[in-house]
Amino acid sequence: MIPAFPRWVWAWAIALPWMAGWVNTVALLALHHGGVTHLTGISTEGAIGLATGDLHLLGHAAAILGLFTIGCAISAWIVRGERWTRTRAAGGMLLGEGVLLSVAATIVDTRPVLGTCLCALAIGFQNGTSSLVTGAVLRTSHLTGMFTDLGIAIGQALRGARFDPRRARICLVVIASFISGGIAGALVFQTWSGHALWLAAMLAIVAGVATPSRESLATS
């Protein structure tokens, strides 16, 4: 059971997965394969590249996996504080994400490999920060765990067992936000191409600025 948490977590549950869905869609469309958030699929790409000798595929997978992991490691080095506490460091990581996405927005059309690598690093910043602050309750860059938790909650409810409605709600919010961000990113990409990343970058910067250094006492 997830304990009651501050209400501001719902804002992150909406905004951060929406950004991740948007960024992943733009990265996938810019590079025509892969993406930057679903590391299971990217690890599979790397396995295929290794098995078939496709060095391009293997190199892409290694770069995305490595940079995402580095982004998470940097967030763990910088973000400190008690669970459910928004710190200036956490806000700074989201600002850093916005800066990386801004750079990616300027180069991804002409240098898609480098642009998507910057996206992977940026999403590593985001997912590492949200996981650290919420104790891994809020995973913002991928949906496998969220669909798993939601399916478990549904199964428990169907057999009349006790389930965690708060976890089910946060799963639904994250899933809906990620998918809607992906839809929006795909629509905007048709007109703006890689410059669509600017909108995700601005949202990350706003989220970073809006992250105060004091925890809200209101819980839900």
Protein backbone atom coordinates (compact mmCIF):
# COMPACT_ATOMS: atom_id res chain seq x y z
CA MET A 1 0.00 0.00 0.00
CA ILE A 2 1.30 3.45 -0.93
CA PRO A 3 1.12 5.81 2.06
CA ALA A 4 -0.56 9.20 1.76
CA PHE A 5 1.73 11.55 -0.13
CA PRO A 6 1.83 15.33 -0.77
CA ARG A 7 -0.69 16.58 -3.30
CA TRP A 8 2.00 18.14 -5.47
CA VAL A 9 3.01 14.62 -6.53
CA TRP A 10 -0.08 14.55 -8.74
CA ALA A 11 1.31 17.52 -10.69
CA TRP A 12 4.51 15.56 -11.34
CA ALA A 13 2.45 12.46 -12.22
CA ILE A 14 0.77 14.48 -14.96
CA ALA A 15 3.58 16.70 -16.26
CA LEU A 16 6.65 14.46 -16.18
CA PRO A 17 5.21 11.39 -17.99
CA TRP A 18 3.61 13.77 -20.51
CA MET A 19 7.05 15.21 -21.23
CA ALA A 20 8.59 11.74 -21.48
CA GLY A 21 5.91 10.57 -23.90
CA TRP A 22 6.41 13.69 -26.01
CA VAL A 23 10.23 13.39 -26.04
CA ASN A 24 10.18 9.67 -26.80
CA THR A 25 7.83 10.16 -29.73
CA VAL A 26 9.88 12.97 -31.23
CA ALA A 27 13.12 11.01 -30.77
CA LEU A 28 11.60 7.92 -32.37
CA LEU A 29 10.25 9.87 -35.34
CA ALA A 30 13.52 11.78 -35.80
CA LEU A 31 15.64 8.63 -35.82
CA HIS A 32 12.99 6.33 -37.39
CA HIS A 33 13.58 3.64 -34.75
CA GLY A 34 14.31 3.17 -31.09
CA GLY A 35 13.30 5.98 -28.83
CA VAL A 36 14.90 7.02 -25.56
CA THR A 37 12.66 6.00 -22.66
CA HIS A 38 11.72 2.31 -23.01
CA LEU A 39 15.03 0.66 -22.22
CA THR A 40 13.68 -2.87 -22.55
CA GLY A 41 13.08 -2.30 -26.25
CA ILE A 42 16.40 -0.52 -26.65
CA SER A 43 18.21 -3.36 -24.88
CA THR A 44 16.53 -5.71 -27.37
CA GLU A 45 17.87 -3.54 -30.18
CA GLY A 46 21.33 -3.92 -28.72
CA ALA A 47 20.94 -7.68 -28.48
CA ILE A 48 19.84 -7.86 -32.12
CA GLY A 49 22.76 -5.66 -33.15
CA LEU A 50 25.18 -7.85 -31.24
CA ALA A 51 23.74 -11.06 -32.67
CA THR A 52 23.61 -9.85 -36.27
CA GLY A 53 26.76 -7.77 -36.30
CA ASP A 54 24.80 -4.57 -36.91
CA LEU A 55 27.22 -2.11 -35.34
CA HIS A 56 24.96 0.86 -36.03
CA LEU A 57 22.09 -0.69 -34.08
CA LEU A 58 24.42 -1.85 -31.32
CA GLY A 59 26.08 1.56 -31.06
CA HIS A 60 22.75 3.37 -30.84
CA ALA A 61 21.49 1.06 -28.11
CA ALA A 62 24.72 1.35 -26.12
CA ALA A 63 24.68 5.14 -26.33
CA ILE A 64 21.05 5.47 -25.22
CA LEU A 65 21.40 2.95 -22.40
CA GLY A 66 24.64 4.49 -21.20
CA LEU A 67 23.46 8.10 -21.28
CA PHE A 68 20.14 7.33 -19.61
CA THR A 69 22.02 5.52 -16.85
CA ILE A 70 24.49 8.39 -16.51
CA GLY A 71 21.57 10.80 -16.20
CA CYS A 72 20.12 8.73 -13.36
CA ALA A 73 23.54 8.52 -11.69
CA ILE A 74 23.97 12.30 -11.85
CA SER A 75 20.54 12.79 -10.31
CA ALA A 76 21.45 10.43 -7.45
CA TRP A 77 24.69 12.33 -6.87
CA ILE A 78 22.94 15.71 -6.76
CA VAL A 79 19.46 15.09 -5.33
CA ARG A 80 19.42 14.60 -1.58
CA GLY A 81 16.68 14.87 1.00
CA GLU A 82 13.92 12.93 2.63
CA ARG A 83 11.27 11.10 0.64
CA TRP A 84 8.44 13.28 -0.68
CA THR A 85 10.55 16.42 -0.20
CA ARG A 86 11.03 18.74 -3.16
CA THR A 87 14.48 20.28 -2.95
CA ARG A 88 16.26 22.93 -4.95
CA ALA A 89 18.49 20.16 -6.26
CA ALA A 90 15.45 18.33 -7.65
CA GLY A 91 14.27 21.53 -9.30
CA GLY A 92 17.77 22.03 -10.68
CA MET A 93 17.72 18.59 -12.28
CA LEU A 94 14.47 19.43 -14.06
CA LEU A 95 16.01 22.71 -15.22
CA GLY A 96 18.97 20.71 -16.49
CA GLU A 97 16.58 18.47 -18.37
CA GLY A 98 15.05 21.54 -19.98
CA VAL A 99 18.46 22.81 -21.06
CA LEU A 100 19.41 19.45 -22.61
CA LEU A 101 16.10 19.24 -24.46
CA SER A 102 16.58 22.81 -25.72
CA VAL A 103 19.95 21.87 -27.20
CA ALA A 104 18.45 18.69 -28.66
CA ALA A 105 15.65 20.73 -30.25
CA THR A 106 18.18 22.79 -32.19
CA ILE A 107 20.18 19.86 -33.58
CA VAL A 108 17.95 16.78 -33.78
CA ASP A 109 16.81 17.47 -37.36
CA THR A 110 20.35 17.71 -38.71
CA ARG A 111 22.12 15.44 -36.21
CA PRO A 112 19.44 13.00 -35.05
CA VAL A 113 21.81 10.57 -33.33
CA LEU A 114 23.37 13.27 -31.15
CA GLY A 115 19.99 14.90 -30.55
CA THR A 116 18.38 11.68 -29.36
CA CYS A 117 21.38 10.94 -27.14
CA LEU A 118 20.83 14.28 -25.40
CA CYS A 119 17.17 13.32 -24.99
CA ALA A 120 18.20 10.07 -23.30
CA LEU A 121 20.44 11.95 -20.87
CA ALA A 122 17.63 14.43 -20.15
CA ILE A 123 15.09 11.70 -19.45
CA GLY A 124 17.63 10.01 -17.20
CA PHE A 125 17.75 13.25 -15.20
CA GLN A 126 13.96 13.25 -14.96
CA ASN A 127 13.34 9.62 -14.09
CA GLY A 128 16.19 9.47 -11.61
CA THR A 129 14.93 12.58 -9.85
CA SER A 130 11.28 11.50 -9.69
CA SER A 131 12.27 8.03 -8.46
CA LEU A 132 14.52 9.42 -5.74
CA VAL A 133 12.03 12.00 -4.50
CA THR A 134 9.06 9.60 -4.42
CA GLY A 135 10.84 6.42 -3.39
CA ALA A 136 10.22 4.89 -6.85
CA VAL A 137 6.45 5.25 -6.47
CA LEU A 138 6.43 7.61 -9.44
CA ARG A 139 8.22 6.27 -12.50
CA THR A 140 7.83 8.83 -15.25
CA SER A 141 9.68 7.57 -18.30
CA HIS A 142 8.19 4.11 -18.98
CA LEU A 143 4.95 2.27 -18.49
CA THR A 144 5.75 -1.41 -17.99
CA GLY A 145 5.70 -1.15 -14.21
CA MET A 146 2.62 1.03 -14.25
CA PHE A 147 0.65 -1.41 -16.42
CA THR A 148 1.86 -4.26 -14.19
CA ASP A 149 0.69 -2.51 -11.01
CA LEU A 150 -2.61 -1.57 -12.63
CA GLY A 151 -3.21 -5.14 -13.79
CA ILE A 152 -2.46 -6.47 -10.32
CA ALA A 153 -4.91 -3.99 -8.79
CA ILE A 154 -7.61 -5.00 -11.27
CA GLY A 155 -7.06 -8.70 -10.56
CA GLN A 156 -7.18 -8.14 -6.81
CA ALA A 157 -10.39 -6.14 -7.12
CA LEU A 158 -12.03 -8.80 -9.31
CA ARG A 159 -11.40 -11.54 -6.75
CA GLY A 160 -12.55 -9.34 -3.88
CA ALA A 161 -9.14 -8.99 -2.30
CA ARG A 162 -7.79 -5.83 -0.77
CA PHE A 163 -6.05 -3.60 -3.27
CA ASP A 164 -4.41 -0.18 -3.24
CA PRO A 165 -6.72 2.37 -4.90
CA ARG A 166 -4.12 5.12 -4.57
CA ARG A 167 -1.59 3.08 -6.55
CA ALA A 168 -4.22 2.30 -9.19
CA ARG A 169 -5.06 5.99 -9.55
CA ILE A 170 -1.45 7.05 -9.95
CA CYS A 171 -0.91 4.28 -12.52
CA LEU A 172 -3.88 5.51 -14.55
CA VAL A 173 -2.69 9.11 -14.39
CA VAL A 174 0.86 8.25 -15.49
CA ILE A 175 -0.32 5.99 -18.32
CA ALA A 176 -2.79 8.57 -19.62
CA SER A 177 -0.23 11.37 -19.38
CA PHE A 178 2.51 9.44 -21.18
CA ILE A 179 0.21 8.36 -24.01
CA SER A 180 -1.35 11.81 -24.43
CA GLY A 181 2.13 13.35 -24.51
CA GLY A 182 3.10 10.90 -27.23
CA ILE A 183 0.01 11.76 -29.27
CA ALA A 184 0.65 15.49 -28.93
CA GLY A 185 4.32 15.07 -29.79
CA ALA A 186 3.49 13.11 -32.95
CA LEU A 187 0.98 15.74 -34.08
CA VAL A 188 3.34 18.66 -33.49
CA PHE A 189 6.26 16.80 -35.11
CA GLN A 190 4.33 16.74 -38.38
CA THR A 191 4.66 20.52 -38.54
CA TRP A 192 7.70 21.40 -36.44
CA SER A 193 9.86 18.28 -36.87
CA GLY A 194 12.54 18.16 -34.20
CA HIS A 195 11.71 21.68 -33.02
CA ALA A 196 8.72 20.06 -31.30
CA LEU A 197 11.17 19.33 -28.48
CA TRP A 198 11.09 23.02 -27.58
CA LEU A 199 7.68 22.61 -25.96
CA ALA A 200 8.87 19.73 -23.78
CA ALA A 201 11.97 21.74 -22.90
CA MET A 202 9.89 24.72 -21.80
CA LEU A 203 7.64 22.51 -19.67
CA ALA A 204 10.71 20.98 -17.98
CA ILE A 205 12.06 24.43 -17.21
CA VAL A 206 8.69 25.53 -15.80
CA ALA A 207 8.56 22.36 -13.66
CA GLY A 208 12.06 23.06 -12.37
CA VAL A 209 11.29 26.66 -11.48
CA ALA A 210 7.99 25.64 -9.86
CA THR A 211 9.68 23.05 -7.63
CA PRO A 212 10.09 24.78 -4.27
CA SER A 213 12.50 23.77 -1.55
CA ARG A 214 9.79 23.10 1.01
CA GLU A 215 7.48 20.12 1.21
CA SER A 216 3.75 20.73 1.11
CA LEU A 217 1.96 19.40 4.16
CA ALA A 218 -1.22 18.62 2.24
CA THR A 219 -1.50 14.91 1.41
CA SER A 220 -3.75 12.75 -0.70
